[in-house]
Amino acid sequence: MSRWLIFMWAVIGAVVGQVVGAALASHFSALELLDRGLSLGFDPTNINLGFVILTLGIQVKLSIGGAIGLVLALWLALRNG
């Protein structure tokens, strides 16, 4: 299995896990742990070159639900590949 396909599985698994974790946490107070996470990155920075303005920034939030989704997606991808 190609590295790009494994990477896409990982991204899709993290996104789906994040969404499912947030949805479950909003409906069931016992599952609020799934929506807790860690945010990494830096705020957007503007670079004005006169004729073009570049805005650079990245923010990544990985919650427990997202981490579970990531692990499950990678397990499925590597098990079938």
N, C-alpha and C. Protein backbone atom coordinates (compact mmCIF):
# COMPACT_ATOMS: atom_id res chain seq x y z
N MET A 1 0.85 -1.17 0.00
CA MET A 1 0.00 0.00 0.00
C MET A 1 0.90 1.24 0.00
N SER A 2 0.54 2.23 -0.79
CA SER A 2 1.40 3.41 -0.92
C SER A 2 1.33 4.28 0.34
N ARG A 3 2.35 5.07 0.53
CA ARG A 3 2.42 5.95 1.70
C ARG A 3 1.34 7.01 1.66
N TRP A 4 1.02 7.50 0.46
CA TRP A 4 -0.02 8.52 0.34
C TRP A 4 -1.38 7.97 0.73
N LEU A 5 -1.64 6.74 0.37
CA LEU A 5 -2.92 6.13 0.73
C LEU A 5 -3.00 5.92 2.24
N ILE A 6 -1.93 5.51 2.85
CA ILE A 6 -1.91 5.36 4.31
C ILE A 6 -2.10 6.71 4.98
N PHE A 7 -1.45 7.75 4.44
CA PHE A 7 -1.62 9.10 4.98
C PHE A 7 -3.07 9.56 4.87
N MET A 8 -3.71 9.28 3.75
CA MET A 8 -5.11 9.67 3.57
C MET A 8 -6.03 8.92 4.53
N TRP A 9 -5.76 7.65 4.75
CA TRP A 9 -6.51 6.88 5.74
C TRP A 9 -6.37 7.52 7.12
N ALA A 10 -5.15 7.93 7.46
CA ALA A 10 -4.90 8.54 8.76
C ALA A 10 -5.67 9.85 8.91
N VAL A 11 -5.65 10.68 7.88
CA VAL A 11 -6.36 11.97 7.95
C VAL A 11 -7.86 11.75 8.05
N ILE A 12 -8.39 10.88 7.22
CA ILE A 12 -9.83 10.61 7.24
C ILE A 12 -10.24 10.02 8.59
N GLY A 13 -9.45 9.10 9.12
CA GLY A 13 -9.76 8.51 10.42
C GLY A 13 -9.74 9.55 11.54
N ALA A 14 -8.77 10.46 11.52
CA ALA A 14 -8.69 11.50 12.54
C ALA A 14 -9.88 12.45 12.45
N VAL A 15 -10.27 12.82 11.23
CA VAL A 15 -11.41 13.73 11.06
C VAL A 15 -12.71 13.07 11.50
N VAL A 16 -12.93 11.84 11.08
CA VAL A 16 -14.15 11.13 11.47
C VAL A 16 -14.18 10.91 12.98
N GLY A 17 -13.06 10.54 13.56
CA GLY A 17 -13.01 10.37 15.01
C GLY A 17 -13.27 11.66 15.76
N GLN A 18 -12.76 12.77 15.23
CA GLN A 18 -12.98 14.08 15.84
C GLN A 18 -14.47 14.44 15.81
N VAL A 19 -15.11 14.23 14.67
CA VAL A 19 -16.53 14.56 14.52
C VAL A 19 -17.39 13.67 15.41
N VAL A 20 -17.13 12.37 15.40
CA VAL A 20 -17.91 11.44 16.21
C VAL A 20 -17.69 11.73 17.71
N GLY A 21 -16.44 12.00 18.09
CA GLY A 21 -16.17 12.32 19.49
C GLY A 21 -16.87 13.58 19.95
N ALA A 22 -16.88 14.62 19.12
CA ALA A 22 -17.57 15.87 19.47
C ALA A 22 -19.07 15.66 19.54
N ALA A 23 -19.63 14.88 18.62
CA ALA A 23 -21.07 14.63 18.63
C ALA A 23 -21.48 13.82 19.86
N LEU A 24 -20.72 12.80 20.19
CA LEU A 24 -21.04 12.01 21.37
C LEU A 24 -20.88 12.81 22.66
N ALA A 25 -19.86 13.65 22.70
CA ALA A 25 -19.62 14.46 23.90
C ALA A 25 -20.72 15.48 24.10
N SER A 26 -21.31 15.99 23.02
CA SER A 26 -22.36 16.99 23.17
C SER A 26 -23.69 16.37 23.60
N HIS A 27 -23.88 15.08 23.31
CA HIS A 27 -25.14 14.41 23.66
C HIS A 27 -25.06 13.62 24.97
N PHE A 28 -23.90 13.14 25.32
CA PHE A 28 -23.75 12.32 26.52
C PHE A 28 -22.65 12.91 27.39
N SER A 29 -23.02 13.39 28.57
CA SER A 29 -22.03 14.05 29.43
C SER A 29 -20.95 13.08 29.92
N ALA A 30 -21.26 11.79 29.94
CA ALA A 30 -20.27 10.82 30.39
C ALA A 30 -19.14 10.65 29.37
N LEU A 31 -19.37 11.07 28.13
CA LEU A 31 -18.37 10.91 27.07
C LEU A 31 -17.66 12.21 26.72
N GLU A 32 -17.69 13.20 27.61
CA GLU A 32 -17.01 14.47 27.35
C GLU A 32 -15.50 14.30 27.20
N LEU A 33 -14.98 13.22 27.71
CA LEU A 33 -13.55 12.93 27.60
C LEU A 33 -13.12 12.80 26.13
N LEU A 34 -14.02 12.36 25.25
CA LEU A 34 -13.69 12.17 23.85
C LEU A 34 -13.39 13.48 23.12
N ASP A 35 -13.92 14.59 23.65
CA ASP A 35 -13.73 15.88 22.97
C ASP A 35 -12.56 16.67 23.55
N ARG A 36 -11.93 16.17 24.56
CA ARG A 36 -10.76 16.86 25.10
C ARG A 36 -9.56 16.59 24.22
N GLY A 37 -8.76 17.62 24.05
CA GLY A 37 -7.64 17.42 23.15
C GLY A 37 -6.54 18.44 23.33
N LEU A 38 -5.67 18.45 22.38
CA LEU A 38 -4.48 19.29 22.40
C LEU A 38 -4.42 20.07 21.10
N SER A 39 -4.21 21.39 21.20
CA SER A 39 -4.08 22.23 20.01
C SER A 39 -2.62 22.63 19.83
N LEU A 40 -2.11 22.43 18.64
CA LEU A 40 -0.74 22.78 18.31
C LEU A 40 -0.73 23.66 17.08
N GLY A 41 0.21 24.57 17.00
CA GLY A 41 0.35 25.39 15.81
C GLY A 41 0.70 26.82 16.15
N PHE A 42 0.56 27.69 15.15
CA PHE A 42 0.80 29.11 15.37
C PHE A 42 -0.26 29.92 14.64
N ASP A 43 -0.52 31.13 15.17
CA ASP A 43 -1.54 32.00 14.60
C ASP A 43 -1.11 32.50 13.22
N PRO A 44 -2.08 32.88 12.41
CA PRO A 44 -1.74 33.38 11.07
C PRO A 44 -0.85 34.62 11.13
N THR A 45 0.14 34.65 10.25
CA THR A 45 1.07 35.77 10.14
C THR A 45 1.01 36.30 8.71
N ASN A 46 0.91 37.61 8.57
CA ASN A 46 0.87 38.23 7.25
C ASN A 46 2.26 38.70 6.84
N ILE A 47 2.61 38.43 5.60
CA ILE A 47 3.86 38.90 5.01
C ILE A 47 3.48 39.76 3.81
N ASN A 48 3.70 41.06 3.92
CA ASN A 48 3.32 42.00 2.87
C ASN A 48 4.55 42.32 2.02
N LEU A 49 4.52 41.90 0.76
CA LEU A 49 5.63 42.13 -0.16
C LEU A 49 5.33 43.27 -1.14
N GLY A 50 4.29 44.01 -0.89
CA GLY A 50 3.92 45.12 -1.75
C GLY A 50 2.96 44.73 -2.84
N PHE A 51 3.31 43.77 -3.65
CA PHE A 51 2.45 43.34 -4.74
C PHE A 51 1.66 42.08 -4.39
N VAL A 52 2.03 41.43 -3.31
CA VAL A 52 1.31 40.24 -2.86
C VAL A 52 1.41 40.16 -1.34
N ILE A 53 0.34 39.69 -0.73
CA ILE A 53 0.32 39.50 0.73
C ILE A 53 0.13 38.02 0.99
N LEU A 54 1.06 37.45 1.71
CA LEU A 54 0.99 36.03 2.07
C LEU A 54 0.52 35.91 3.51
N THR A 55 -0.37 34.98 3.76
CA THR A 55 -0.82 34.68 5.11
C THR A 55 -0.45 33.24 5.40
N LEU A 56 0.37 33.04 6.40
CA LEU A 56 0.84 31.72 6.77
C LEU A 56 0.38 31.39 8.19
N GLY A 57 -0.07 30.17 8.38
CA GLY A 57 -0.46 29.73 9.71
C GLY A 57 -0.99 28.31 9.64
N ILE A 58 -0.91 27.63 10.75
CA ILE A 58 -1.45 26.27 10.82
C ILE A 58 -1.88 26.01 12.26
N GLN A 59 -2.97 25.31 12.40
CA GLN A 59 -3.49 24.94 13.72
C GLN A 59 -3.99 23.51 13.62
N VAL A 60 -3.54 22.66 14.50
CA VAL A 60 -3.96 21.26 14.53
C VAL A 60 -4.53 20.96 15.90
N LYS A 61 -5.74 20.41 15.93
CA LYS A 61 -6.34 19.99 17.19
C LYS A 61 -6.61 18.49 17.10
N LEU A 62 -6.01 17.75 17.99
CA LEU A 62 -6.24 16.32 18.04
C LEU A 62 -6.86 15.99 19.38
N SER A 63 -8.06 15.47 19.33
CA SER A 63 -8.75 15.09 20.56
C SER A 63 -8.60 13.58 20.78
N ILE A 64 -9.11 13.12 21.87
CA ILE A 64 -9.04 11.69 22.16
C ILE A 64 -9.86 10.90 21.14
N GLY A 65 -11.02 11.44 20.77
CA GLY A 65 -11.84 10.79 19.73
C GLY A 65 -11.11 10.74 18.40
N GLY A 66 -10.42 11.83 18.06
CA GLY A 66 -9.65 11.86 16.82
C GLY A 66 -8.50 10.87 16.83
N ALA A 67 -7.86 10.74 17.99
CA ALA A 67 -6.76 9.78 18.12
C ALA A 67 -7.26 8.35 17.98
N ILE A 68 -8.42 8.07 18.56
CA ILE A 68 -9.01 6.73 18.43
C ILE A 68 -9.35 6.46 16.96
N GLY A 69 -9.94 7.43 16.28
CA GLY A 69 -10.26 7.28 14.86
C GLY A 69 -9.01 7.09 14.02
N LEU A 70 -7.95 7.82 14.34
CA LEU A 70 -6.68 7.69 13.63
C LEU A 70 -6.12 6.29 13.77
N VAL A 71 -6.09 5.78 14.98
CA VAL A 71 -5.54 4.44 15.23
C VAL A 71 -6.39 3.37 14.53
N LEU A 72 -7.72 3.50 14.62
CA LEU A 72 -8.58 2.52 13.96
C LEU A 72 -8.43 2.55 12.44
N ALA A 73 -8.32 3.74 11.86
CA ALA A 73 -8.16 3.84 10.41
C ALA A 73 -6.83 3.25 9.97
N LEU A 74 -5.76 3.54 10.70
CA LEU A 74 -4.46 2.96 10.34
C LEU A 74 -4.47 1.45 10.50
N TRP A 75 -5.13 0.96 11.53
CA TRP A 75 -5.22 -0.50 11.73
C TRP A 75 -5.97 -1.14 10.56
N LEU A 76 -7.08 -0.52 10.14
CA LEU A 76 -7.83 -1.07 9.01
C LEU A 76 -7.02 -1.00 7.72
N ALA A 77 -6.33 0.11 7.50
CA ALA A 77 -5.54 0.27 6.27
C ALA A 77 -4.40 -0.74 6.20
N LEU A 78 -3.71 -0.91 7.28
CA LEU A 78 -2.54 -1.81 7.27
C LEU A 78 -2.95 -3.28 7.35
N ARG A 79 -4.11 -3.56 7.92
CA ARG A 79 -4.58 -4.94 8.00
C ARG A 79 -5.01 -5.43 6.62
N ASN A 80 -5.64 -4.54 5.83
CA ASN A 80 -6.12 -4.94 4.51
C ASN A 80 -5.07 -4.80 3.42
N GLY A 81 -4.00 -4.06 3.71
CA GLY A 81 -3.01 -3.82 2.67
C GLY A 81 -1.88 -4.75 2.81
